[in-house]
């Protein structure tokens, strides 16, 4: 088991794996909320929200770029 020294204890691999999973889940749910808000604003209120659209497209672009990068380098 790998442990990392920190001032008040150690961080083991389980903590790092849980942090990775929770960050991934938070990103996915954040993207879904942004898509939901953007869709609601456009379909119900008829307002095109460029700020929400930019957030969604940034998340999509980063996801696709990371997938391509990992596919080419792994």
Protein backbone atom coordinates (compact mmCIF):
# COMPACT_ATOMS: atom_id res chain seq x y z
CA UNK A 1 0.00 0.00 0.00
CA UNK A 2 1.34 3.41 -0.97
CA UNK A 3 0.95 6.15 1.61
CA UNK A 4 1.68 9.82 1.28
CA UNK A 5 2.97 11.72 4.30
CA UNK A 6 0.84 14.65 5.42
CA UNK A 7 1.13 16.62 8.65
CA UNK A 8 -1.69 14.88 10.56
CA UNK A 9 -1.68 11.35 9.15
CA UNK A 10 -1.39 9.54 5.86
CA UNK A 11 -3.38 9.38 2.65
CA UNK A 12 -3.70 5.92 1.20
CA UNK A 13 -4.76 4.68 -2.24
CA UNK A 14 -8.41 4.33 -1.23
CA UNK A 15 -8.61 8.03 -0.42
CA UNK A 16 -7.09 8.94 -3.78
CA UNK A 17 -9.48 6.56 -5.61
CA UNK A 18 -12.49 8.01 -3.75
CA UNK A 19 -11.33 11.54 -4.57
CA UNK A 20 -11.03 10.62 -8.26
CA UNK A 21 -14.51 9.06 -8.35
CA UNK A 22 -16.16 11.91 -6.44
CA UNK A 23 -14.55 14.54 -8.68
CA UNK A 24 -15.70 12.67 -11.78
CA UNK A 25 -19.24 12.37 -10.43
CA UNK A 26 -19.31 16.07 -9.52
CA UNK A 27 -18.17 17.03 -13.03
CA UNK A 28 -20.79 14.84 -14.68
CA UNK A 29 -23.60 16.16 -12.49
CA UNK A 30 -22.42 19.73 -13.00
CA UNK A 31 -22.56 19.23 -16.77
CA UNK A 32 -26.05 17.71 -16.53
CA UNK A 33 -27.30 20.64 -14.45
CA UNK A 34 -25.82 23.13 -16.94
CA UNK A 35 -27.44 21.27 -19.87
CA UNK A 36 -30.74 21.12 -17.99
CA UNK A 37 -30.72 24.83 -17.19
CA UNK A 38 -29.74 25.75 -20.72
CA UNK A 39 -32.47 23.52 -22.18
CA UNK A 40 -35.08 24.93 -19.79
CA UNK A 41 -34.15 28.52 -20.56
CA UNK A 42 -34.29 27.91 -24.30
CA UNK A 43 -37.40 25.72 -24.56
CA UNK A 44 -39.62 27.25 -21.85
CA UNK A 45 -38.54 30.87 -21.75
CA UNK A 46 -37.17 31.20 -25.28
CA UNK A 47 -33.90 32.71 -24.05
CA UNK A 48 -30.58 31.59 -25.50
CA UNK A 49 -28.13 31.65 -22.57
CA UNK A 50 -24.63 31.97 -24.01
CA UNK A 51 -23.02 31.61 -20.59
CA UNK A 52 -24.60 28.19 -19.97
CA UNK A 53 -23.90 27.15 -23.55
CA UNK A 54 -20.23 28.10 -23.11
CA UNK A 55 -19.99 26.03 -19.90
CA UNK A 56 -21.51 22.98 -21.59
CA UNK A 57 -19.30 23.28 -24.68
CA UNK A 58 -16.19 23.74 -22.52
CA UNK A 59 -17.00 20.55 -20.62
CA UNK A 60 -17.64 18.65 -23.85
CA UNK A 61 -14.44 19.97 -25.43
CA UNK A 62 -12.29 19.05 -22.43
CA UNK A 63 -13.84 15.58 -22.24
CA UNK A 64 -13.27 14.85 -25.94
CA UNK A 65 -9.74 16.28 -25.90
CA UNK A 66 -8.83 14.17 -22.86
CA UNK A 67 -10.27 11.03 -24.46
CA UNK A 68 -8.27 11.62 -27.64
CA UNK A 69 -5.10 12.42 -25.68
CA UNK A 70 -5.36 9.29 -23.52
CA UNK A 71 -6.14 7.13 -26.55
CA UNK A 72 -3.07 8.40 -28.41
CA UNK A 73 -0.66 8.28 -25.48
CA UNK A 74 -1.73 5.18 -23.60
